[in-house]
Amino acid sequence: MTDPTSLPNFPPPADEHPLRGRVLDVIQDLGVSPVIDEDGDVAFVAGEPPQQLFVRCMDGDFPVMRVFGQWQIGDPAPEDLMSRLERCNDFNLQLNIVKCGIANGNLVVTCDLVIRPETDLAGLFPVTVDLLMQVVGAWFGSFSKGRHEGPVDGTEA
């Protein structure tokens, strides 16, 4: 009998989780090795330096793809939770798709999109990841500039 742990780990059939199957295909086509974690989310590494990101897929009449990650907060961000939350609020009021929050002392950034069967996921996914990473950089960078600057255009908020 073959040891079951030596068998390859095949993804679930595409009809079981159609959106997640599409996401897995797109990530693999980008040359990245995705992993399905214990929550059913697709975990992958992107960016430089490498960052652990996740995709949660919610199937239904309007399938939703949530790309998200979390980052430890340190200097130059203030220790004060209210200051951090106010900065998240400033960003959320200026951004359309990406949202920021604080959970367990970490910055959490999410991007939620409705993905229809005809959506060009191969084109949309890398743009979504880039947008998410830009917002993370802007959030942290906004503290190091000595004054609050807007997340998109650098204007005063």
N, C-alpha and C. Protein backbone atom coordinates (compact mmCIF):
# COMPACT_ATOMS: atom_id res chain seq x y z
N MET A 1 0.85 -1.18 0.00
CA MET A 1 0.00 0.00 0.00
C MET A 1 0.89 1.24 0.00
N THR A 2 0.50 2.23 -0.75
CA THR A 2 1.25 3.48 -0.87
C THR A 2 0.96 4.38 0.32
N ASP A 3 1.99 5.04 0.81
CA ASP A 3 1.85 6.01 1.89
C ASP A 3 1.04 7.20 1.37
N PRO A 4 -0.15 7.51 1.98
CA PRO A 4 -0.98 8.60 1.47
C PRO A 4 -0.30 9.96 1.53
N THR A 5 0.66 10.14 2.42
CA THR A 5 1.33 11.43 2.50
C THR A 5 2.29 11.64 1.33
N SER A 6 2.60 10.57 0.59
CA SER A 6 3.51 10.70 -0.54
C SER A 6 2.77 11.01 -1.84
N LEU A 7 1.45 10.98 -1.80
CA LEU A 7 0.66 11.27 -2.99
C LEU A 7 0.65 12.77 -3.25
N PRO A 8 0.56 13.16 -4.51
CA PRO A 8 0.50 14.60 -4.80
C PRO A 8 -0.77 15.24 -4.25
N ASN A 9 -0.68 16.51 -3.91
CA ASN A 9 -1.81 17.26 -3.37
C ASN A 9 -2.52 17.95 -4.53
N PHE A 10 -3.59 17.35 -5.03
CA PHE A 10 -4.33 17.90 -6.16
C PHE A 10 -5.38 18.90 -5.66
N PRO A 11 -5.58 19.99 -6.40
CA PRO A 11 -6.64 20.92 -6.00
C PRO A 11 -8.01 20.27 -6.17
N PRO A 12 -9.01 20.82 -5.48
CA PRO A 12 -10.36 20.26 -5.63
C PRO A 12 -10.86 20.45 -7.05
N PRO A 13 -11.84 19.66 -7.45
CA PRO A 13 -12.41 19.84 -8.79
C PRO A 13 -12.93 21.27 -8.97
N ALA A 14 -12.80 21.78 -10.19
CA ALA A 14 -13.17 23.17 -10.48
C ALA A 14 -14.63 23.47 -10.16
N ASP A 15 -15.53 22.50 -10.33
CA ASP A 15 -16.94 22.76 -10.07
C ASP A 15 -17.27 22.78 -8.58
N GLU A 16 -16.33 22.31 -7.73
CA GLU A 16 -16.56 22.33 -6.29
C GLU A 16 -16.40 23.75 -5.75
N HIS A 17 -15.40 24.47 -6.20
CA HIS A 17 -15.14 25.86 -5.83
C HIS A 17 -14.70 26.58 -7.10
N PRO A 18 -15.65 26.98 -7.95
CA PRO A 18 -15.27 27.51 -9.27
C PRO A 18 -14.37 28.74 -9.22
N LEU A 19 -14.67 29.70 -8.35
CA LEU A 19 -13.84 30.89 -8.30
C LEU A 19 -12.45 30.55 -7.77
N ARG A 20 -12.37 29.75 -6.74
CA ARG A 20 -11.07 29.38 -6.19
C ARG A 20 -10.24 28.64 -7.22
N GLY A 21 -10.87 27.79 -8.03
CA GLY A 21 -10.16 27.10 -9.10
C GLY A 21 -9.58 28.07 -10.11
N ARG A 22 -10.34 29.10 -10.45
CA ARG A 22 -9.84 30.13 -11.39
C ARG A 22 -8.68 30.90 -10.77
N VAL A 23 -8.80 31.24 -9.49
CA VAL A 23 -7.74 31.96 -8.80
C VAL A 23 -6.47 31.12 -8.76
N LEU A 24 -6.60 29.85 -8.43
CA LEU A 24 -5.43 28.96 -8.40
C LEU A 24 -4.75 28.93 -9.76
N ASP A 25 -5.53 28.83 -10.82
CA ASP A 25 -4.96 28.81 -12.18
C ASP A 25 -4.19 30.09 -12.49
N VAL A 26 -4.78 31.25 -12.14
CA VAL A 26 -4.14 32.53 -12.42
C VAL A 26 -2.84 32.66 -11.64
N ILE A 27 -2.85 32.30 -10.38
CA ILE A 27 -1.63 32.41 -9.57
C ILE A 27 -0.54 31.49 -10.11
N GLN A 28 -0.91 30.27 -10.48
CA GLN A 28 0.08 29.35 -11.05
C GLN A 28 0.62 29.88 -12.38
N ASP A 29 -0.24 30.48 -13.18
CA ASP A 29 0.22 31.06 -14.46
C ASP A 29 1.20 32.20 -14.25
N LEU A 30 1.16 32.84 -13.07
CA LEU A 30 2.11 33.90 -12.74
C LEU A 30 3.45 33.35 -12.25
N GLY A 31 3.54 32.02 -12.19
CA GLY A 31 4.78 31.39 -11.75
C GLY A 31 4.93 31.29 -10.25
N VAL A 32 3.82 31.41 -9.54
CA VAL A 32 3.82 31.34 -8.08
C VAL A 32 3.13 30.05 -7.67
N SER A 33 3.60 29.45 -6.58
CA SER A 33 3.01 28.21 -6.08
C SER A 33 2.01 28.52 -4.97
N PRO A 34 0.71 28.49 -5.28
CA PRO A 34 -0.29 28.75 -4.24
C PRO A 34 -0.51 27.52 -3.38
N VAL A 35 -1.01 27.75 -2.18
CA VAL A 35 -1.34 26.68 -1.24
C VAL A 35 -2.72 26.99 -0.68
N ILE A 36 -3.55 25.97 -0.52
CA ILE A 36 -4.84 26.16 0.13
C ILE A 36 -4.63 25.91 1.61
N ASP A 37 -4.90 26.95 2.44
CA ASP A 37 -4.66 26.80 3.88
C ASP A 37 -5.84 26.12 4.57
N GLU A 38 -5.73 25.96 5.88
CA GLU A 38 -6.76 25.25 6.65
C GLU A 38 -8.12 25.94 6.64
N ASP A 39 -8.16 27.26 6.32
CA ASP A 39 -9.42 27.99 6.23
C ASP A 39 -10.04 27.92 4.84
N GLY A 40 -9.33 27.29 3.89
CA GLY A 40 -9.80 27.23 2.52
C GLY A 40 -9.37 28.41 1.68
N ASP A 41 -8.57 29.31 2.28
CA ASP A 41 -8.04 30.46 1.54
C ASP A 41 -6.84 30.02 0.72
N VAL A 42 -6.60 30.74 -0.36
CA VAL A 42 -5.45 30.49 -1.20
C VAL A 42 -4.32 31.39 -0.70
N ALA A 43 -3.24 30.79 -0.26
CA ALA A 43 -2.08 31.54 0.22
C ALA A 43 -1.03 31.56 -0.87
N PHE A 44 -0.37 32.72 -1.02
CA PHE A 44 0.69 32.85 -2.02
C PHE A 44 1.64 33.96 -1.59
N VAL A 45 2.81 33.98 -2.19
CA VAL A 45 3.82 34.99 -1.88
C VAL A 45 3.98 35.88 -3.09
N ALA A 46 4.02 37.20 -2.84
CA ALA A 46 4.18 38.18 -3.92
C ALA A 46 5.00 39.35 -3.43
N GLY A 47 5.56 40.09 -4.37
CA GLY A 47 6.24 41.33 -4.06
C GLY A 47 7.70 41.16 -3.72
N GLU A 48 8.33 42.31 -3.53
CA GLU A 48 9.74 42.35 -3.15
C GLU A 48 9.91 43.43 -2.10
N PRO A 49 10.21 43.14 -0.87
CA PRO A 49 10.50 41.80 -0.37
C PRO A 49 9.25 40.93 -0.38
N PRO A 50 9.43 39.62 -0.39
CA PRO A 50 8.28 38.72 -0.48
C PRO A 50 7.30 38.92 0.68
N GLN A 51 6.03 38.96 0.31
CA GLN A 51 4.94 39.15 1.28
C GLN A 51 3.95 38.01 1.17
N GLN A 52 3.49 37.50 2.30
CA GLN A 52 2.48 36.46 2.32
C GLN A 52 1.11 37.11 2.15
N LEU A 53 0.39 36.74 1.11
CA LEU A 53 -0.95 37.24 0.86
C LEU A 53 -1.92 36.07 0.77
N PHE A 54 -3.20 36.39 0.81
CA PHE A 54 -4.24 35.37 0.78
C PHE A 54 -5.36 35.81 -0.14
N VAL A 55 -6.09 34.84 -0.66
CA VAL A 55 -7.31 35.09 -1.42
C VAL A 55 -8.42 34.24 -0.82
N ARG A 56 -9.50 34.88 -0.43
CA ARG A 56 -10.69 34.17 0.03
C ARG A 56 -11.72 34.27 -1.08
N CYS A 57 -12.24 33.14 -1.49
CA CYS A 57 -13.22 33.09 -2.59
C CYS A 57 -14.58 32.70 -2.02
N MET A 58 -15.59 33.51 -2.34
CA MET A 58 -16.94 33.25 -1.89
C MET A 58 -17.82 33.09 -3.12
N ASP A 59 -18.20 31.85 -3.41
CA ASP A 59 -19.03 31.57 -4.57
C ASP A 59 -20.48 31.94 -4.28
N GLY A 60 -21.25 32.12 -5.32
CA GLY A 60 -22.65 32.47 -5.19
C GLY A 60 -23.12 33.17 -6.45
N ASP A 61 -24.29 33.81 -6.37
CA ASP A 61 -24.80 34.55 -7.52
C ASP A 61 -23.84 35.66 -7.95
N PHE A 62 -23.18 36.26 -6.98
CA PHE A 62 -22.17 37.29 -7.24
C PHE A 62 -20.89 36.86 -6.51
N PRO A 63 -20.06 36.05 -7.18
CA PRO A 63 -18.85 35.55 -6.53
C PRO A 63 -17.92 36.70 -6.14
N VAL A 64 -17.39 36.65 -4.93
CA VAL A 64 -16.52 37.69 -4.42
C VAL A 64 -15.14 37.11 -4.16
N MET A 65 -14.12 37.84 -4.63
CA MET A 65 -12.73 37.49 -4.37
C MET A 65 -12.18 38.56 -3.43
N ARG A 66 -11.69 38.13 -2.28
CA ARG A 66 -11.04 39.05 -1.33
C ARG A 66 -9.56 38.72 -1.31
N VAL A 67 -8.73 39.67 -1.73
CA VAL A 67 -7.28 39.55 -1.63
C VAL A 67 -6.89 40.33 -0.39
N PHE A 68 -6.10 39.72 0.49
CA PHE A 68 -5.77 40.39 1.74
C PHE A 68 -4.45 39.92 2.32
N GLY A 69 -3.97 40.71 3.25
CA GLY A 69 -2.76 40.37 3.98
C GLY A 69 -2.73 41.17 5.26
N GLN A 70 -1.76 40.83 6.11
CA GLN A 70 -1.59 41.58 7.35
C GLN A 70 -0.11 41.80 7.61
N TRP A 71 0.17 42.94 8.25
CA TRP A 71 1.53 43.37 8.47
C TRP A 71 1.69 43.85 9.90
N GLN A 72 2.80 43.45 10.54
CA GLN A 72 3.10 43.94 11.88
C GLN A 72 3.39 45.44 11.80
N ILE A 73 2.90 46.16 12.78
CA ILE A 73 3.09 47.60 12.82
C ILE A 73 4.19 47.93 13.81
N GLY A 74 5.13 48.70 13.37
CA GLY A 74 6.22 49.17 14.23
C GLY A 74 6.55 50.59 13.86
N ASP A 75 7.77 51.02 14.18
CA ASP A 75 8.21 52.37 13.82
C ASP A 75 8.13 52.54 12.32
N PRO A 76 7.74 53.66 11.81
CA PRO A 76 7.51 54.94 12.48
C PRO A 76 6.06 55.16 12.91
N ALA A 77 5.22 54.16 12.82
CA ALA A 77 3.82 54.34 13.24
C ALA A 77 3.76 54.56 14.74
N PRO A 78 2.89 55.43 15.21
CA PRO A 78 2.78 55.66 16.65
C PRO A 78 2.21 54.44 17.36
N GLU A 79 2.50 54.33 18.63
CA GLU A 79 1.97 53.23 19.45
C GLU A 79 0.47 53.38 19.69
N ASP A 80 -0.02 54.61 19.63
CA ASP A 80 -1.40 54.92 19.94
C ASP A 80 -2.36 54.28 18.94
N LEU A 81 -3.22 53.40 19.42
CA LEU A 81 -4.18 52.70 18.56
C LEU A 81 -5.11 53.67 17.86
N MET A 82 -5.56 54.71 18.55
CA MET A 82 -6.48 55.67 17.94
C MET A 82 -5.83 56.36 16.74
N SER A 83 -4.55 56.70 16.84
CA SER A 83 -3.85 57.33 15.71
C SER A 83 -3.79 56.37 14.52
N ARG A 84 -3.54 55.12 14.80
CA ARG A 84 -3.48 54.13 13.73
C ARG A 84 -4.84 53.95 13.06
N LEU A 85 -5.88 53.88 13.90
CA LEU A 85 -7.24 53.72 13.36
C LEU A 85 -7.67 54.96 12.57
N GLU A 86 -7.30 56.13 13.04
CA GLU A 86 -7.64 57.35 12.31
C GLU A 86 -6.96 57.36 10.94
N ARG A 87 -5.73 56.88 10.88
CA ARG A 87 -5.03 56.82 9.60
C ARG A 87 -5.74 55.83 8.67
N CYS A 88 -6.16 54.69 9.21
CA CYS A 88 -6.93 53.73 8.40
C CYS A 88 -8.20 54.39 7.88
N ASN A 89 -8.89 55.13 8.74
CA ASN A 89 -10.11 55.81 8.33
C ASN A 89 -9.83 56.81 7.21
N ASP A 90 -8.74 57.58 7.34
CA ASP A 90 -8.38 58.54 6.29
C ASP A 90 -8.19 57.82 4.95
N PHE A 91 -7.50 56.71 4.98
CA PHE A 91 -7.26 55.95 3.74
C PHE A 91 -8.57 55.39 3.20
N ASN A 92 -9.40 54.82 4.07
CA ASN A 92 -10.66 54.22 3.62
C ASN A 92 -11.59 55.23 2.98
N LEU A 93 -11.56 56.45 3.45
CA LEU A 93 -12.42 57.49 2.88
C LEU A 93 -11.93 57.94 1.51
N GLN A 94 -10.66 57.73 1.21
CA GLN A 94 -10.10 58.15 -0.08
C GLN A 94 -10.06 57.03 -1.11
N LEU A 95 -10.05 55.80 -0.66
CA LEU A 95 -9.90 54.67 -1.58
C LEU A 95 -11.25 54.08 -1.96
N ASN A 96 -11.31 53.45 -3.13
CA ASN A 96 -12.57 52.87 -3.59
C ASN A 96 -12.68 51.38 -3.34
N ILE A 97 -11.63 50.64 -3.55
CA ILE A 97 -11.71 49.18 -3.50
C ILE A 97 -10.96 48.60 -2.31
N VAL A 98 -9.84 49.18 -1.96
CA VAL A 98 -8.98 48.66 -0.90
C VAL A 98 -9.37 49.30 0.42
N LYS A 99 -9.40 48.48 1.47
CA LYS A 99 -9.74 48.97 2.81
C LYS A 99 -8.66 48.55 3.79
N CYS A 100 -8.43 49.41 4.79
CA CYS A 100 -7.41 49.18 5.82
C CYS A 100 -8.10 49.07 7.17
N GLY A 101 -7.52 48.27 8.05
CA GLY A 101 -8.00 48.16 9.41
C GLY A 101 -6.90 47.66 10.31
N ILE A 102 -7.16 47.65 11.60
CA ILE A 102 -6.22 47.15 12.58
C ILE A 102 -6.87 45.96 13.28
N ALA A 103 -6.15 44.84 13.33
CA ALA A 103 -6.63 43.65 14.04
C ALA A 103 -5.46 43.02 14.78
N ASN A 104 -5.63 42.83 16.07
CA ASN A 104 -4.58 42.24 16.90
C ASN A 104 -3.24 42.95 16.75
N GLY A 105 -3.28 44.27 16.62
CA GLY A 105 -2.06 45.06 16.50
C GLY A 105 -1.42 45.03 15.13
N ASN A 106 -2.05 44.41 14.16
CA ASN A 106 -1.53 44.33 12.79
C ASN A 106 -2.36 45.18 11.85
N LEU A 107 -1.69 45.71 10.82
CA LEU A 107 -2.41 46.37 9.73
C LEU A 107 -2.97 45.28 8.83
N VAL A 108 -4.27 45.33 8.56
CA VAL A 108 -4.91 44.39 7.65
C VAL A 108 -5.41 45.21 6.46
N VAL A 109 -5.04 44.79 5.26
CA VAL A 109 -5.46 45.47 4.05
C VAL A 109 -6.18 44.46 3.17
N THR A 110 -7.38 44.82 2.71
CA THR A 110 -8.19 43.92 1.90
C THR A 110 -8.65 44.61 0.62
N CYS A 111 -8.91 43.80 -0.37
CA CYS A 111 -9.45 44.29 -1.63
C CYS A 111 -10.53 43.29 -2.06
N ASP A 112 -11.77 43.74 -2.09
CA ASP A 112 -12.91 42.88 -2.43
C ASP A 112 -13.43 43.21 -3.82
N LEU A 113 -13.58 42.20 -4.64
CA LEU A 113 -14.07 42.38 -6.01
C LEU A 113 -15.10 41.31 -6.36
N VAL A 114 -16.16 41.72 -7.05
CA VAL A 114 -17.11 40.76 -7.60
C VAL A 114 -16.50 40.23 -8.89
N ILE A 115 -16.41 38.90 -8.99
CA ILE A 115 -15.77 38.26 -10.14
C ILE A 115 -16.81 37.41 -10.87
N ARG A 116 -17.28 37.90 -11.97
CA ARG A 116 -18.25 37.17 -12.80
C ARG A 116 -17.49 36.16 -13.68
N PRO A 117 -18.17 35.19 -14.25
CA PRO A 117 -17.49 34.23 -15.13
C PRO A 117 -16.76 34.88 -16.30
N GLU A 118 -17.27 36.01 -16.79
CA GLU A 118 -16.65 36.67 -17.93
C GLU A 118 -15.53 37.65 -17.53
N THR A 119 -15.28 37.83 -16.24
CA THR A 119 -14.22 38.74 -15.77
C THR A 119 -12.85 38.22 -16.20
N ASP A 120 -12.03 39.12 -16.71
CA ASP A 120 -10.65 38.78 -17.09
C ASP A 120 -9.81 38.71 -15.82
N LEU A 121 -9.87 37.59 -15.13
CA LEU A 121 -9.18 37.42 -13.87
C LEU A 121 -7.66 37.45 -14.05
N ALA A 122 -7.18 36.94 -15.17
CA ALA A 122 -5.73 36.96 -15.43
C ALA A 122 -5.20 38.39 -15.52
N GLY A 123 -5.98 39.31 -16.03
CA GLY A 123 -5.58 40.71 -16.11
C GLY A 123 -5.84 41.46 -14.80
N LEU A 124 -6.93 41.13 -14.14
CA LEU A 124 -7.34 41.84 -12.93
C LEU A 124 -6.52 41.46 -11.70
N PHE A 125 -6.15 40.21 -11.59
CA PHE A 125 -5.49 39.74 -10.36
C PHE A 125 -4.16 40.45 -10.08
N PRO A 126 -3.24 40.52 -11.04
CA PRO A 126 -1.97 41.20 -10.75
C PRO A 126 -2.15 42.69 -10.41
N VAL A 127 -3.11 43.34 -11.05
CA VAL A 127 -3.39 44.75 -10.76
C VAL A 127 -3.90 44.88 -9.32
N THR A 128 -4.74 43.95 -8.91
CA THR A 128 -5.29 43.96 -7.55
C THR A 128 -4.18 43.79 -6.52
N VAL A 129 -3.28 42.85 -6.76
CA VAL A 129 -2.16 42.62 -5.84
C VAL A 129 -1.28 43.87 -5.79
N ASP A 130 -0.97 44.45 -6.94
CA ASP A 130 -0.15 45.67 -6.96
C ASP A 130 -0.82 46.80 -6.19
N LEU A 131 -2.11 46.98 -6.38
CA LEU A 131 -2.85 48.03 -5.68
C LEU A 131 -2.79 47.82 -4.18
N LEU A 132 -3.02 46.61 -3.74
CA LEU A 132 -2.98 46.28 -2.32
C LEU A 132 -1.60 46.60 -1.74
N MET A 133 -0.54 46.20 -2.43
CA MET A 133 0.83 46.44 -1.95
C MET A 133 1.16 47.94 -1.93
N GLN A 134 0.65 48.69 -2.90
CA GLN A 134 0.88 50.14 -2.92
C GLN A 134 0.21 50.81 -1.71
N VAL A 135 -0.98 50.35 -1.37
CA VAL A 135 -1.68 50.93 -0.22
C VAL A 135 -0.93 50.60 1.07
N VAL A 136 -0.42 49.39 1.19
CA VAL A 136 0.36 49.03 2.38
C VAL A 136 1.57 49.97 2.50
N GLY A 137 2.29 50.13 1.41
CA GLY A 137 3.46 51.02 1.42
C GLY A 137 3.09 52.45 1.74
N ALA A 138 1.98 52.92 1.19
CA ALA A 138 1.54 54.30 1.44
C ALA A 138 1.12 54.48 2.89
N TRP A 139 0.45 53.48 3.47
CA TRP A 139 0.01 53.58 4.86
C TRP A 139 1.22 53.71 5.78
N PHE A 140 2.18 52.82 5.63
CA PHE A 140 3.38 52.89 6.46
C PHE A 140 4.17 54.15 6.16
N GLY A 141 4.29 54.50 4.88
CA GLY A 141 5.05 55.68 4.49
C GLY A 141 4.44 56.97 4.98
N SER A 142 3.14 56.99 5.17
CA SER A 142 2.48 58.22 5.61
C SER A 142 2.91 58.63 7.01
N PHE A 143 3.39 57.69 7.81
CA PHE A 143 3.85 58.03 9.15
C PHE A 143 5.29 58.55 9.12
N SER A 144 6.07 58.12 8.16
CA SER A 144 7.49 58.51 8.15
C SER A 144 7.72 59.88 7.54
N LYS A 145 6.72 60.46 6.93
CA LYS A 145 6.88 61.75 6.29
C LYS A 145 6.70 62.92 7.25
N GLY A 146 6.35 62.62 8.50
CA GLY A 146 6.20 63.68 9.48
C GLY A 146 4.86 64.40 9.40
N ARG A 147 4.08 64.11 8.40
CA ARG A 147 2.76 64.70 8.27
C ARG A 147 1.91 63.70 7.49
N HIS A 148 0.63 63.82 7.59
CA HIS A 148 -0.24 62.88 6.88
C HIS A 148 -0.36 63.30 5.43
N GLU A 149 -0.07 62.38 4.56
CA GLU A 149 -0.31 62.61 3.14
C GLU A 149 -1.33 61.59 2.66
N GLY A 150 -2.09 61.95 1.67
CA GLY A 150 -3.11 61.07 1.13
C GLY A 150 -2.51 59.83 0.51
N PRO A 151 -3.26 58.73 0.46
CA PRO A 151 -2.74 57.46 -0.02
C PRO A 151 -2.51 57.40 -1.52
N VAL A 152 -3.20 58.22 -2.28
CA VAL A 152 -3.13 58.07 -3.73
C VAL A 152 -2.29 59.16 -4.39
N ASP A 153 -2.61 60.40 -4.10
CA ASP A 153 -1.97 61.47 -4.85
C ASP A 153 -0.98 62.32 -4.04
N GLY A 154 -0.76 61.98 -2.77
CA GLY A 154 0.21 62.70 -1.96
C GLY A 154 -0.27 64.04 -1.45
N THR A 155 -1.55 64.35 -1.64
CA THR A 155 -2.08 65.62 -1.16
C THR A 155 -2.44 65.53 0.30
N GLU A 156 -2.52 66.65 0.95
CA GLU A 156 -2.94 66.67 2.34
C GLU A 156 -4.38 66.15 2.44
N ALA A 157 -4.62 65.35 3.44
CA ALA A 157 -5.97 64.80 3.62
C ALA A 157 -6.80 65.73 4.47
